Amino acid sequence: MEFAIVANVLFLLILTCIEFARMNMVRNLAQDAAYYGARAAVVPGATSAEAEAVADEILGSMLSNGYTIDVSEVDSESTEISVTVGVELHQVALFIPFFLPDTTIETQAVMRTERYEGFYQQ
């Protein structure tokens, strides 16, 4: 009798730990994709398409769909590059969307570029 009562709580606790570990892994993956995407675009001559391709490659290593990548305009006068990655929670989670519908994990990386005169002056 005691096992029937305790087992439900134990299984719920184990599944909750797995779900939060997976969400933390997705959050870290989104942060890495935004960072490396921005890093690819800060060098002179890089384009926003290259930054998006780098971020897409990183996200594609674990996710097949359910994410968006937004890169700020990159031109010769850009002083900052911003890469925003959003992952839809209902595409990657099992139980959390029941409690938090229409939620997105979103992260952003902003870096100064190396392509304008003031970069090398402190």
PDB file of N, CA and C in Angstrom:
ATOM      1  N   MET A   1       0.824  -1.188   0.000  1.00  0.00           N
ATOM      2  CA  MET A   1       0.000   0.000   0.000  1.00  0.00           C
ATOM      3  C   MET A   1       0.872   1.257   0.000  1.00  0.00           C
ATOM      4  N   GLU A   2       1.921   1.246   0.807  1.00  0.00           N
ATOM      5  CA  GLU A   2       2.781   2.423   0.866  1.00  0.00           C
ATOM      6  C   GLU A   2       3.461   2.673  -0.476  1.00  0.00           C
ATOM      7  N   PHE A   3       3.862   1.614  -1.168  1.00  0.00           N
ATOM      8  CA  PHE A   3       4.522   1.779  -2.464  1.00  0.00           C
ATOM      9  C   PHE A   3       3.591   2.436  -3.475  1.00  0.00           C
ATOM     10  N   ALA A   4       2.334   2.090  -3.468  1.00  0.00           N
ATOM     11  CA  ALA A   4       1.376   2.674  -4.406  1.00  0.00           C
ATOM     12  C   ALA A   4       1.252   4.183  -4.196  1.00  0.00           C
ATOM     13  N   ILE A   5       1.387   4.631  -2.978  1.00  0.00           N
ATOM     14  CA  ILE A   5       1.293   6.065  -2.693  1.00  0.00           C
ATOM     15  C   ILE A   5       2.613   6.762  -3.018  1.00  0.00           C
ATOM     16  N   VAL A   6       3.716   6.186  -2.595  1.00  0.00           N
ATOM     17  CA  VAL A   6       5.027   6.809  -2.777  1.00  0.00           C
ATOM     18  C   VAL A   6       5.498   6.738  -4.231  1.00  0.00           C
ATOM     19  N   ALA A   7       5.142   5.702  -4.956  1.00  0.00           N
ATOM     20  CA  ALA A   7       5.604   5.529  -6.332  1.00  0.00           C
ATOM     21  C   ALA A   7       5.115   6.657  -7.226  1.00  0.00           C
ATOM     22  N   ASN A   8       3.885   7.105  -7.043  1.00  0.00           N
ATOM     23  CA  ASN A   8       3.367   8.204  -7.859  1.00  0.00           C
ATOM     24  C   ASN A   8       4.184   9.471  -7.664  1.00  0.00           C
ATOM     25  N   VAL A   9       4.494   9.768  -6.440  1.00  0.00           N
ATOM     26  CA  VAL A   9       5.289  10.958  -6.144  1.00  0.00           C
ATOM     27  C   VAL A   9       6.710  10.786  -6.679  1.00  0.00           C
ATOM     28  N   LEU A  10       7.271   9.618  -6.536  1.00  0.00           N
ATOM     29  CA  LEU A  10       8.624   9.354  -7.018  1.00  0.00           C
ATOM     30  C   LEU A  10       8.706   9.478  -8.539  1.00  0.00           C
ATOM     31  N   PHE A  11       7.758   8.895  -9.257  1.00  0.00           N
ATOM     32  CA  PHE A  11       7.753   8.997 -10.718  1.00  0.00           C
ATOM     33  C   PHE A  11       7.553  10.429 -11.179  1.00  0.00           C
ATOM     34  N   LEU A  12       6.694  11.158 -10.507  1.00  0.00           N
ATOM     35  CA  LEU A  12       6.480  12.567 -10.845  1.00  0.00           C
ATOM     36  C   LEU A  12       7.751  13.377 -10.625  1.00  0.00           C
ATOM     37  N   LEU A  13       8.454  13.112  -9.551  1.00  0.00           N
ATOM     38  CA  LEU A  13       9.703  13.809  -9.259  1.00  0.00           C
ATOM     39  C   LEU A  13      10.771  13.482 -10.311  1.00  0.00           C
ATOM     40  N   ILE A  14      10.884  12.239 -10.698  1.00  0.00           N
ATOM     41  CA  ILE A  14      11.878  11.836 -11.699  1.00  0.00           C
ATOM     42  C   ILE A  14      11.570  12.477 -13.049  1.00  0.00           C
ATOM     43  N   LEU A  15      10.322  12.446 -13.483  1.00  0.00           N
ATOM     44  CA  LEU A  15       9.946  13.049 -14.759  1.00  0.00           C
ATOM     45  C   LEU A  15      10.138  14.566 -14.745  1.00  0.00           C
ATOM     46  N   THR A  16       9.880  15.198 -13.621  1.00  0.00           N
ATOM     47  CA  THR A  16      10.099  16.635 -13.504  1.00  0.00           C
ATOM     48  C   THR A  16      11.588  16.964 -13.617  1.00  0.00           C
ATOM     49  N   CYS A  17      12.425  16.186 -12.989  1.00  0.00           N
ATOM     50  CA  CYS A  17      13.874  16.407 -13.091  1.00  0.00           C
ATOM     51  C   CYS A  17      14.358  16.239 -14.527  1.00  0.00           C
ATOM     52  N   ILE A  18      13.860  15.238 -15.221  1.00  0.00           N
ATOM     53  CA  ILE A  18      14.246  15.028 -16.618  1.00  0.00           C
ATOM     54  C   ILE A  18      13.801  16.200 -17.475  1.00  0.00           C
ATOM     55  N   GLU A  19      12.577  16.672 -17.255  1.00  0.00           N
ATOM     56  CA  GLU A  19      12.042  17.781 -18.052  1.00  0.00           C
ATOM     57  C   GLU A  19      12.845  19.071 -17.832  1.00  0.00           C
ATOM     58  N   PHE A  20      13.162  19.388 -16.591  1.00  0.00           N
ATOM     59  CA  PHE A  20      13.934  20.603 -16.319  1.00  0.00           C
ATOM     60  C   PHE A  20      15.377  20.483 -16.820  1.00  0.00           C
ATOM     61  N   ALA A  21      15.944  19.297 -16.774  1.00  0.00           N
ATOM     62  CA  ALA A  21      17.289  19.112 -17.319  1.00  0.00           C
ATOM     63  C   ALA A  21      17.284  19.325 -18.831  1.00  0.00           C
ATOM     64  N   ARG A  22      16.265  18.842 -19.496  1.00  0.00           N
ATOM     65  CA  ARG A  22      16.154  19.039 -20.948  1.00  0.00           C
ATOM     66  C   ARG A  22      15.952  20.514 -21.281  1.00  0.00           C
ATOM     67  N   MET A  23      15.136  21.214 -20.530  1.00  0.00           N
ATOM     68  CA  MET A  23      14.915  22.642 -20.794  1.00  0.00           C
ATOM     69  C   MET A  23      16.192  23.453 -20.551  1.00  0.00           C
ATOM     70  N   ASN A  24      16.961  23.077 -19.565  1.00  0.00           N
ATOM     71  CA  ASN A  24      18.240  23.741 -19.322  1.00  0.00           C
ATOM     72  C   ASN A  24      19.205  23.475 -20.477  1.00  0.00           C
ATOM     73  N   MET A  25      19.185  22.274 -21.019  1.00  0.00           N
ATOM     74  CA  MET A  25      20.032  21.939 -22.151  1.00  0.00           C
ATOM     75  C   MET A  25      19.625  22.753 -23.383  1.00  0.00           C
ATOM     76  N   VAL A  26      18.338  22.915 -23.619  1.00  0.00           N
ATOM     77  CA  VAL A  26      17.857  23.711 -24.749  1.00  0.00           C
ATOM     78  C   VAL A  26      18.219  25.177 -24.562  1.00  0.00           C
ATOM     79  N   ARG A  27      18.102  25.682 -23.348  1.00  0.00           N
ATOM     80  CA  ARG A  27      18.464  27.081 -23.067  1.00  0.00           C
ATOM     81  C   ARG A  27      19.955  27.312 -23.327  1.00  0.00           C
ATOM     82  N   ASN A  28      20.793  26.409 -22.887  1.00  0.00           N
ATOM     83  CA  ASN A  28      22.234  26.541 -23.137  1.00  0.00           C
ATOM     84  C   ASN A  28      22.559  26.433 -24.622  1.00  0.00           C
ATOM     85  N   LEU A  29      21.860  25.566 -25.331  1.00  0.00           N
ATOM     86  CA  LEU A  29      22.069  25.434 -26.767  1.00  0.00           C
ATOM     87  C   LEU A  29      21.680  26.729 -27.490  1.00  0.00           C
ATOM     88  N   ALA A  30      20.580  27.346 -27.086  1.00  0.00           N
ATOM     89  CA  ALA A  30      20.152  28.614 -27.698  1.00  0.00           C
ATOM     90  C   ALA A  30      21.160  29.719 -27.405  1.00  0.00           C
ATOM     91  N   GLN A  31      21.689  29.762 -26.178  1.00  0.00           N
ATOM     92  CA  GLN A  31      22.703  30.760 -25.840  1.00  0.00           C
ATOM     93  C   GLN A  31      23.968  30.561 -26.678  1.00  0.00           C
ATOM     94  N   ASP A  32      24.395  29.330 -26.833  1.00  0.00           N
ATOM     95  CA  ASP A  32      25.582  29.059 -27.645  1.00  0.00           C
ATOM     96  C   ASP A  32      25.364  29.428 -29.102  1.00  0.00           C
ATOM     97  N   ALA A  33      24.185  29.123 -29.625  1.00  0.00           N
ATOM     98  CA  ALA A  33      23.890  29.439 -31.027  1.00  0.00           C
ATOM     99  C   ALA A  33      23.903  30.944 -31.248  1.00  0.00           C
ATOM    100  N   ALA A  34      23.318  31.708 -30.323  1.00  0.00           N
ATOM    101  CA  ALA A  34      23.320  33.166 -30.460  1.00  0.00           C
ATOM    102  C   ALA A  34      24.742  33.717 -30.357  1.00  0.00           C
ATOM    103  N   TYR A  35      25.516  33.221 -29.422  1.00  0.00           N
ATOM    104  CA  TYR A  35      26.886  33.701 -29.233  1.00  0.00           C
ATOM    105  C   TYR A  35      27.757  33.416 -30.456  1.00  0.00           C
ATOM    106  N   TYR A  36      27.756  32.170 -30.926  1.00  0.00           N
ATOM    107  CA  TYR A  36      28.609  31.827 -32.063  1.00  0.00           C
ATOM    108  C   TYR A  36      28.116  32.460 -33.355  1.00  0.00           C
ATOM    109  N   GLY A  37      26.805  32.668 -33.485  1.00  0.00           N
ATOM    110  CA  GLY A  37      26.289  33.384 -34.642  1.00  0.00           C
ATOM    111  C   GLY A  37      26.761  34.819 -34.662  1.00  0.00           C
ATOM    112  N   ALA A  38      26.709  35.495 -33.504  1.00  0.00           N
ATOM    113  CA  ALA A  38      27.191  36.875 -33.413  1.00  0.00           C
ATOM    114  C   ALA A  38      28.695  36.932 -33.625  1.00  0.00           C
ATOM    115  N   ARG A  39      29.396  35.963 -33.109  1.00  0.00           N
ATOM    116  CA  ARG A  39      30.843  35.929 -33.262  1.00  0.00           C
ATOM    117  C   ARG A  39      31.248  35.770 -34.726  1.00  0.00           C
ATOM    118  N   ALA A  40      30.460  35.015 -35.485  1.00  0.00           N
ATOM    119  CA  ALA A  40      30.762  34.823 -36.905  1.00  0.00           C
ATOM    120  C   ALA A  40      30.520  36.098 -37.706  1.00  0.00           C
ATOM    121  N   ALA A  41      29.655  36.993 -37.207  1.00  0.00           N
ATOM    122  CA  ALA A  41      29.282  38.185 -37.976  1.00  0.00           C
ATOM    123  C   ALA A  41      30.082  39.429 -37.612  1.00  0.00           C
ATOM    124  N   VAL A  42      30.882  39.407 -36.568  1.00  0.00           N
ATOM    125  CA  VAL A  42      31.586  40.629 -36.153  1.00  0.00           C
ATOM    126  C   VAL A  42      32.830  40.915 -36.973  1.00  0.00           C
ATOM    127  N   VAL A  43      33.365  39.941 -37.644  1.00  0.00           N
ATOM    128  CA  VAL A  43      34.587  40.160 -38.419  1.00  0.00           C
ATOM    129  C   VAL A  43      34.274  40.920 -39.701  1.00  0.00           C
ATOM    130  N   PRO A  44      35.215  41.698 -40.197  1.00  0.00           N
ATOM    131  CA  PRO A  44      34.976  42.436 -41.437  1.00  0.00           C
ATOM    132  C   PRO A  44      34.680  41.498 -42.606  1.00  0.00           C
ATOM    133  N   GLY A  45      33.674  41.847 -43.389  1.00  0.00           N
ATOM    134  CA  GLY A  45      33.308  41.063 -44.553  1.00  0.00           C
ATOM    135  C   GLY A  45      32.246  40.008 -44.309  1.00  0.00           C
ATOM    136  N   ALA A  46      31.893  39.761 -43.062  1.00  0.00           N
ATOM    137  CA  ALA A  46      30.885  38.746 -42.772  1.00  0.00           C
ATOM    138  C   ALA A  46      29.488  39.308 -43.045  1.00  0.00           C
ATOM    139  N   THR A  47      28.551  38.414 -43.283  1.00  0.00           N
ATOM    140  CA  THR A  47      27.180  38.816 -43.565  1.00  0.00           C
ATOM    141  C   THR A  47      26.232  38.240 -42.518  1.00  0.00           C
ATOM    142  N   SER A  48      25.022  38.756 -42.512  1.00  0.00           N
ATOM    143  CA  SER A  48      24.028  38.239 -41.573  1.00  0.00           C
ATOM    144  C   SER A  48      23.624  36.815 -41.943  1.00  0.00           C
ATOM    145  N   ALA A  49      23.710  36.462 -43.229  1.00  0.00           N
ATOM    146  CA  ALA A  49      23.392  35.090 -43.645  1.00  0.00           C
ATOM    147  C   ALA A  49      24.404  34.096 -43.067  1.00  0.00           C
ATOM    148  N   GLU A  50      25.667  34.503 -42.978  1.00  0.00           N
ATOM    149  CA  GLU A  50      26.677  33.624 -42.378  1.00  0.00           C
ATOM    150  C   GLU A  50      26.402  33.418 -40.891  1.00  0.00           C
ATOM    151  N   ALA A  51      26.020  34.488 -40.206  1.00  0.00           N
ATOM    152  CA  ALA A  51      25.700  34.374 -38.781  1.00  0.00           C
ATOM    153  C   ALA A  51      24.497  33.469 -38.572  1.00  0.00           C
ATOM    154  N   GLU A  52      23.498  33.615 -39.426  1.00  0.00           N
ATOM    155  CA  GLU A  52      22.308  32.766 -39.318  1.00  0.00           C
ATOM    156  C   GLU A  52      22.642  31.308 -39.617  1.00  0.00           C
ATOM    157  N   ALA A  53      23.527  31.064 -40.562  1.00  0.00           N
ATOM    158  CA  ALA A  53      23.923  29.697 -40.902  1.00  0.00           C
ATOM    159  C   ALA A  53      24.671  29.032 -39.748  1.00  0.00           C
ATOM    160  N   VAL A  54      25.539  29.788 -39.082  1.00  0.00           N
ATOM    161  CA  VAL A  54      26.274  29.231 -37.934  1.00  0.00           C
ATOM    162  C   VAL A  54      25.310  28.889 -36.804  1.00  0.00           C
ATOM    163  N   ALA A  55      24.389  29.806 -36.496  1.00  0.00           N
ATOM    164  CA  ALA A  55      23.419  29.547 -35.436  1.00  0.00           C
ATOM    165  C   ALA A  55      22.510  28.375 -35.799  1.00  0.00           C
ATOM    166  N   ASP A  56      22.105  28.282 -37.065  1.00  0.00           N
ATOM    167  CA  ASP A  56      21.245  27.192 -37.511  1.00  0.00           C
ATOM    168  C   ASP A  56      21.963  25.850 -37.424  1.00  0.00           C
ATOM    169  N   GLU A  57      23.244  25.837 -37.720  1.00  0.00           N
ATOM    170  CA  GLU A  57      24.017  24.597 -37.624  1.00  0.00           C
ATOM    171  C   GLU A  57      24.089  24.110 -36.176  1.00  0.00           C
ATOM    172  N   ILE A  58      24.295  25.031 -35.258  1.00  0.00           N
ATOM    173  CA  ILE A  58      24.376  24.651 -33.845  1.00  0.00           C
ATOM    174  C   ILE A  58      23.024  24.163 -33.337  1.00  0.00           C
ATOM    175  N   LEU A  59      21.955  24.898 -33.649  1.00  0.00           N
ATOM    176  CA  LEU A  59      20.631  24.478 -33.202  1.00  0.00           C
ATOM    177  C   LEU A  59      20.193  23.183 -33.874  1.00  0.00           C
ATOM    178  N   GLY A  60      20.580  23.002 -35.129  1.00  0.00           N
ATOM    179  CA  GLY A  60      20.217  21.794 -35.850  1.00  0.00           C
ATOM    180  C   GLY A  60      20.885  20.541 -35.319  1.00  0.00           C
ATOM    181  N   SER A  61      21.924  20.701 -34.498  1.00  0.00           N
ATOM    182  CA  SER A  61      22.582  19.529 -33.935  1.00  0.00           C
ATOM    183  C   SER A  61      21.688  18.797 -32.939  1.00  0.00           C
ATOM    184  N   MET A  62      20.706  19.514 -32.358  1.00  0.00           N
ATOM    185  CA  MET A  62      19.829  18.884 -31.385  1.00  0.00           C
ATOM    186  C   MET A  62      18.346  19.045 -31.710  1.00  0.00           C
ATOM    187  N   LEU A  63      17.989  20.125 -32.365  1.00  0.00           N
ATOM    188  CA  LEU A  63      16.586  20.403 -32.656  1.00  0.00           C
ATOM    189  C   LEU A  63      16.335  20.306 -34.149  1.00  0.00           C
ATOM    190  N   SER A  64      15.199  19.763 -34.514  1.00  0.00           N
ATOM    191  CA  SER A  64      14.873  19.674 -35.939  1.00  0.00           C
ATOM    192  C   SER A  64      13.972  20.817 -36.393  1.00  0.00           C
ATOM    193  N   ASN A  65      13.186  21.360 -35.493  1.00  0.00           N
ATOM    194  CA  ASN A  65      12.314  22.490 -35.818  1.00  0.00           C
ATOM    195  C   ASN A  65      11.905  23.204 -34.537  1.00  0.00           C
ATOM    196  N   GLY A  66      11.117  24.265 -34.695  1.00  0.00           N
ATOM    197  CA  GLY A  66      10.607  24.970 -33.522  1.00  0.00           C
ATOM    198  C   GLY A  66      11.504  26.075 -33.021  1.00  0.00           C
ATOM    199  N   TYR A  67      12.412  26.561 -33.845  1.00  0.00           N
ATOM    200  CA  TYR A  67      13.269  27.656 -33.408  1.00  0.00           C
ATOM    201  C   TYR A  67      13.329  28.739 -34.477  1.00  0.00           C
ATOM    202  N   THR A  68      13.630  29.955 -34.027  1.00  0.00           N
ATOM    203  CA  THR A  68      13.782  31.089 -34.936  1.00  0.00           C
ATOM    204  C   THR A  68      15.110  31.765 -34.658  1.00  0.00           C
ATOM    205  N   ILE A  69      15.706  32.317 -35.701  1.00  0.00           N
ATOM    206  CA  ILE A  69      16.973  33.036 -35.588  1.00  0.00           C
ATOM    207  C   ILE A  69      16.786  34.393 -36.240  1.00  0.00           C
ATOM    208  N   ASP A  70      17.091  35.447 -35.492  1.00  0.00           N
ATOM    209  CA  ASP A  70      16.962  36.801 -36.013  1.00  0.00           C
ATOM    210  C   ASP A  70      18.309  37.504 -35.858  1.00  0.00           C
ATOM    211  N   VAL A  71      18.860  37.963 -36.975  1.00  0.00           N
ATOM    212  CA  VAL A  71      20.161  38.633 -36.982  1.00  0.00           C
ATOM    213  C   VAL A  71      19.946  40.085 -37.395  1.00  0.00           C
ATOM    214  N   SER A  72      20.555  41.017 -36.661  1.00  0.00           N
ATOM    215  CA  SER A  72      20.438  42.423 -37.018  1.00  0.00           C
ATOM    216  C   SER A  72      21.115  42.693 -38.356  1.00  0.00           C
ATOM    217  N   GLU A  73      20.792  43.819 -38.938  1.00  0.00           N
ATOM    218  CA  GLU A  73      21.361  44.198 -40.238  1.00  0.00           C
ATOM    219  C   GLU A  73      22.878  44.348 -40.111  1.00  0.00           C
ATOM    220  N   VAL A  74      23.589  43.743 -41.061  1.00  0.00           N
ATOM    221  CA  VAL A  74      25.050  43.789 -41.061  1.00  0.00           C
ATOM    222  C   VAL A  74      25.494  44.543 -42.313  1.00  0.00           C
ATOM    223  N   ASP A  75      26.190  45.660 -42.108  1.00  0.00           N
ATOM    224  CA  ASP A  75      26.783  46.388 -43.228  1.00  0.00           C
ATOM    225  C   ASP A  75      28.116  46.973 -42.775  1.00  0.00           C
ATOM    226  N   SER A  76      28.749  47.752 -43.631  1.00  0.00           N
ATOM    227  CA  SER A  76      30.087  48.269 -43.319  1.00  0.00           C
ATOM    228  C   SER A  76      30.077  49.300 -42.199  1.00  0.00           C
ATOM    229  N   GLU A  77      28.935  49.879 -41.882  1.00  0.00           N
ATOM    230  CA  GLU A  77      28.834  50.891 -40.831  1.00  0.00           C
ATOM    231  C   GLU A  77      28.277  50.346 -39.518  1.00  0.00           C
ATOM    232  N   SER A  78      27.997  49.070 -39.446  1.00  0.00           N
ATOM    233  CA  SER A  78      27.426  48.486 -38.229  1.00  0.00           C
ATOM    234  C   SER A  78      28.437  48.531 -37.091  1.00  0.00           C
ATOM    235  N   THR A  79      27.988  48.998 -35.940  1.00  0.00           N
ATOM    236  CA  THR A  79      28.860  49.018 -34.769  1.00  0.00           C
ATOM    237  C   THR A  79      28.561  47.861 -33.824  1.00  0.00           C
ATOM    238  N   GLU A  80      27.361  47.292 -33.930  1.00  0.00           N
ATOM    239  CA  GLU A  80      26.986  46.156 -33.085  1.00  0.00           C
ATOM    240  C   GLU A  80      26.234  45.129 -33.921  1.00  0.00           C
ATOM    241  N   ILE A  81      26.424  43.893 -33.549  1.00  0.00           N
ATOM    242  CA  ILE A  81      25.698  42.791 -34.156  1.00  0.00           C
ATOM    243  C   ILE A  81      24.855  42.155 -33.062  1.00  0.00           C
ATOM    244  N   SER A  82      23.598  41.916 -33.373  1.00  0.00           N
ATOM    245  CA  SER A  82      22.687  41.294 -32.420  1.00  0.00           C
ATOM    246  C   SER A  82      22.089  40.047 -33.049  1.00  0.00           C
ATOM    247  N   VAL A  83      22.202  38.932 -32.354  1.00  0.00           N
ATOM    248  CA  VAL A  83      21.607  37.674 -32.801  1.00  0.00           C
ATOM    249  C   VAL A  83      20.651  37.205 -31.712  1.00  0.00           C
ATOM    250  N   THR A  84      19.395  37.017 -32.088  1.00  0.00           N
ATOM    251  CA  THR A  84      18.367  36.567 -31.156  1.00  0.00           C
ATOM    252  C   THR A  84      17.881  35.193 -31.590  1.00  0.00           C
ATOM    253  N   VAL A  85      17.868  34.265 -30.647  1.00  0.00           N
ATOM    254  CA  VAL A  85      17.407  32.902 -30.912  1.00  0.00           C
ATOM    255  C   VAL A  85      16.213  32.628 -30.012  1.00  0.00           C
ATOM    256  N   GLY A  86      15.145  32.150 -30.619  1.00  0.00           N
ATOM    257  CA  GLY A  86      13.948  31.780 -29.869  1.00  0.00           C
ATOM    258  C   GLY A  86      13.598  30.326 -30.134  1.00  0.00           C
ATOM    259  N   VAL A  87      13.282  29.596 -29.071  1.00  0.00           N
ATOM    260  CA  VAL A  87      12.897  28.188 -29.186  1.00  0.00           C
ATOM    261  C   VAL A  87      11.505  28.047 -28.577  1.00  0.00           C
ATOM    262  N   GLU A  88      10.567  27.536 -29.369  1.00  0.00           N
ATOM    263  CA  GLU A  88       9.202  27.349 -28.889  1.00  0.00           C
ATOM    264  C   GLU A  88       9.162  26.169 -27.931  1.00  0.00           C
ATOM    265  N   LEU A  89       8.643  26.419 -26.736  1.00  0.00           N
ATOM    266  CA  LEU A  89       8.669  25.406 -25.687  1.00  0.00           C
ATOM    267  C   LEU A  89       7.827  24.184 -26.040  1.00  0.00           C
ATOM    268  N   HIS A  90       6.710  24.379 -26.710  1.00  0.00           N
ATOM    269  CA  HIS A  90       5.855  23.228 -27.012  1.00  0.00           C
ATOM    270  C   HIS A  90       6.477  22.296 -28.045  1.00  0.00           C
ATOM    271  N   GLN A  91       7.521  22.741 -28.751  1.00  0.00           N
ATOM    272  CA  GLN A  91       8.200  21.884 -29.726  1.00  0.00           C
ATOM    273  C   GLN A  91       9.255  20.984 -29.086  1.00  0.00           C
ATOM    274  N   VAL A  92       9.756  21.366 -27.911  1.00  0.00           N
ATOM    275  CA  VAL A  92      10.872  20.622 -27.325  1.00  0.00           C
ATOM    276  C   VAL A  92      10.565  20.017 -25.957  1.00  0.00           C
ATOM    277  N   ALA A  93       9.470  20.398 -25.345  1.00  0.00           N
ATOM    278  CA  ALA A  93       9.157  19.908 -24.005  1.00  0.00           C
ATOM    279  C   ALA A  93       8.001  18.913 -24.056  1.00  0.00           C
ATOM    280  N   LEU A  94       7.892  18.109 -23.018  1.00  0.00           N
ATOM    281  CA  LEU A  94       6.820  17.124 -22.948  1.00  0.00           C
ATOM    282  C   LEU A  94       5.675  17.574 -22.048  1.00  0.00           C
ATOM    283  N   PHE A  95       5.988  18.033 -20.837  1.00  0.00           N
ATOM    284  CA  PHE A  95       4.949  18.324 -19.863  1.00  0.00           C
ATOM    285  C   PHE A  95       4.772  19.810 -19.567  1.00  0.00           C
ATOM    286  N   ILE A  96       5.821  20.582 -19.690  1.00  0.00           N
ATOM    287  CA  ILE A  96       5.757  22.004 -19.338  1.00  0.00           C
ATOM    288  C   ILE A  96       4.728  22.768 -20.174  1.00  0.00           C
ATOM    289  N   PRO A  97       4.535  22.472 -21.473  1.00  0.00           N
ATOM    290  CA  PRO A  97       3.529  23.217 -22.239  1.00  0.00           C
ATOM    291  C   PRO A  97       2.101  23.091 -21.706  1.00  0.00           C
ATOM    292  N   PHE A  98       1.828  22.052 -20.926  1.00  0.00           N
ATOM    293  CA  PHE A  98       0.503  21.961 -20.302  1.00  0.00           C
ATOM    294  C   PHE A  98       0.286  23.083 -19.294  1.00  0.00           C
ATOM    295  N   PHE A  99       1.365  23.523 -18.662  1.00  0.00           N
ATOM    296  CA  PHE A  99       1.277  24.549 -17.636  1.00  0.00           C
ATOM    297  C   PHE A  99       1.652  25.938 -18.162  1.00  0.00           C
ATOM    298  N   LEU A 100       2.524  25.989 -19.171  1.00  0.00           N
ATOM    299  CA  LEU A 100       2.974  27.256 -19.753  1.00  0.00           C
ATOM    300  C   LEU A 100       2.789  27.222 -21.273  1.00  0.00           C
ATOM    301  N   PRO A 101       1.555  27.336 -21.748  1.00  0.00           N
ATOM    302  CA  PRO A 101       1.354  27.282 -23.210  1.00  0.00           C
ATOM    303  C   PRO A 101       1.884  28.541 -23.889  1.00  0.00           C
ATOM    304  N   ASP A 102       2.269  28.399 -25.140  1.00  0.00           N
ATOM    305  CA  ASP A 102       2.754  29.519 -25.960  1.00  0.00           C
ATOM    306  C   ASP A 102       3.944  30.239 -25.322  1.00  0.00           C
ATOM    307  N   THR A 103       4.844  29.491 -24.732  1.00  0.00           N
ATOM    308  CA  THR A 103       6.039  30.066 -24.122  1.00  0.00           C
ATOM    309  C   THR A 103       7.241  29.831 -25.034  1.00  0.00           C
ATOM    310  N   THR A 104       8.115  30.823 -25.083  1.00  0.00           N
ATOM    311  CA  THR A 104       9.309  30.736 -25.915  1.00  0.00           C
ATOM    312  C   THR A 104      10.541  30.981 -25.060  1.00  0.00           C
ATOM    313  N   ILE A 105      11.542  30.128 -25.216  1.00  0.00           N
ATOM    314  CA  ILE A 105      12.844  30.372 -24.604  1.00  0.00           C
ATOM    315  C   ILE A 105      13.593  31.277 -25.576  1.00  0.00           C
ATOM    316  N   GLU A 106      13.960  32.470 -25.129  1.00  0.00           N
ATOM    317  CA  GLU A 106      14.602  33.429 -26.027  1.00  0.00           C
ATOM    318  C   GLU A 106      15.894  33.930 -25.405  1.00  0.00           C
ATOM    319  N   THR A 107      16.918  34.010 -26.218  1.00  0.00           N
ATOM    320  CA  THR A 107      18.206  34.516 -25.768  1.00  0.00           C
ATOM    321  C   THR A 107      18.801  35.395 -26.857  1.00  0.00           C
ATOM    322  N   GLN A 108      19.659  36.308 -26.434  1.00  0.00           N
ATOM    323  CA  GLN A 108      20.235  37.269 -27.373  1.00  0.00           C
ATOM    324  C   GLN A 108      21.712  37.470 -27.054  1.00  0.00           C
ATOM    325  N   ALA A 109      22.499  37.602 -28.113  1.00  0.00           N
ATOM    326  CA  ALA A 109      23.922  37.929 -27.979  1.00  0.00           C
ATOM    327  C   ALA A 109      24.178  39.205 -28.772  1.00  0.00           C
ATOM    328  N   VAL A 110      24.813  40.171 -28.125  1.00  0.00           N
ATOM    329  CA  VAL A 110      25.144  41.445 -28.766  1.00  0.00           C
ATOM    330  C   VAL A 110      26.655  41.633 -28.653  1.00  0.00           C
ATOM    331  N   MET A 111      27.302  41.899 -29.798  1.00  0.00           N
ATOM    332  CA  MET A 111      28.757  42.101 -29.826  1.00  0.00           C
ATOM    333  C   MET A 111      29.088  43.322 -30.659  1.00  0.00           C
ATOM    334  N   ARG A 112      30.170  44.003 -30.283  1.00  0.00           N
ATOM    335  CA  ARG A 112      30.680  45.119 -31.088  1.00  0.00           C
ATOM    336  C   ARG A 112      31.446  44.561 -32.272  1.00  0.00           C
ATOM    337  N   THR A 113      31.290  45.215 -33.402  1.00  0.00           N
ATOM    338  CA  THR A 113      31.968  44.729 -34.602  1.00  0.00           C
ATOM    339  C   THR A 113      33.386  45.263 -34.691  1.00  0.00           C
ATOM    340  N   GLU A 114      34.157  44.684 -35.585  1.00  0.00           N
ATOM    341  CA  GLU A 114      35.536  45.103 -35.828  1.00  0.00           C
ATOM    342  C   GLU A 114      35.649  45.865 -37.141  1.00  0.00           C
ATOM    343  N   ARG A 115      34.558  46.399 -37.642  1.00  0.00           N
ATOM    344  CA  ARG A 115      34.593  46.971 -38.973  1.00  0.00           C
ATOM    345  C   ARG A 115      34.403  48.478 -39.013  1.00  0.00           C
ATOM    346  N   TYR A 116      34.514  49.169 -37.919  1.00  0.00           N
ATOM    347  CA  TYR A 116      34.406  50.632 -37.970  1.00  0.00           C
ATOM    348  C   TYR A 116      35.606  51.229 -37.297  1.00  0.00           C
ATOM    349  N   GLU A 117      35.869  52.487 -37.578  1.00  0.00           N
ATOM    350  CA  GLU A 117      37.105  53.177 -37.154  1.00  0.00           C
ATOM    351  C   GLU A 117      37.281  53.184 -35.627  1.00  0.00           C
ATOM    352  N   GLY A 118      36.222  53.402 -34.880  1.00  0.00           N
ATOM    353  CA  GLY A 118      36.342  53.564 -33.434  1.00  0.00           C
ATOM    354  C   GLY A 118      36.636  52.296 -32.663  1.00  0.00           C
ATOM    355  N   PHE A 119      36.597  51.137 -33.307  1.00  0.00           N
ATOM    356  CA  PHE A 119      36.809  49.894 -32.607  1.00  0.00           C
ATOM    357  C   PHE A 119      38.201  49.799 -32.006  1.00  0.00           C
ATOM    358  N   TYR A 120      39.200  50.240 -32.757  1.00  0.00           N
ATOM    359  CA  TYR A 120      40.588  50.097 -32.299  1.00  0.00           C
ATOM    360  C   TYR A 120      41.047  51.237 -31.429  1.00  0.00           C
ATOM    361  N   GLN A 121      40.210  52.235 -31.229  1.00  0.00           N
ATOM    362  CA  GLN A 121      40.562  53.368 -30.355  1.00  0.00           C
ATOM    363  C   GLN A 121      39.870  53.165 -29.006  1.00  0.00           C
ATOM    364  N   GLN A 122      40.612  53.254 -27.957  1.00  0.00           N
ATOM    365  CA  GLN A 122      40.050  53.088 -26.627  1.00  0.00           C
ATOM    366  C   GLN A 122      39.715  54.384 -25.981  1.00  0.00           C
TER     367      GLN A 122
END
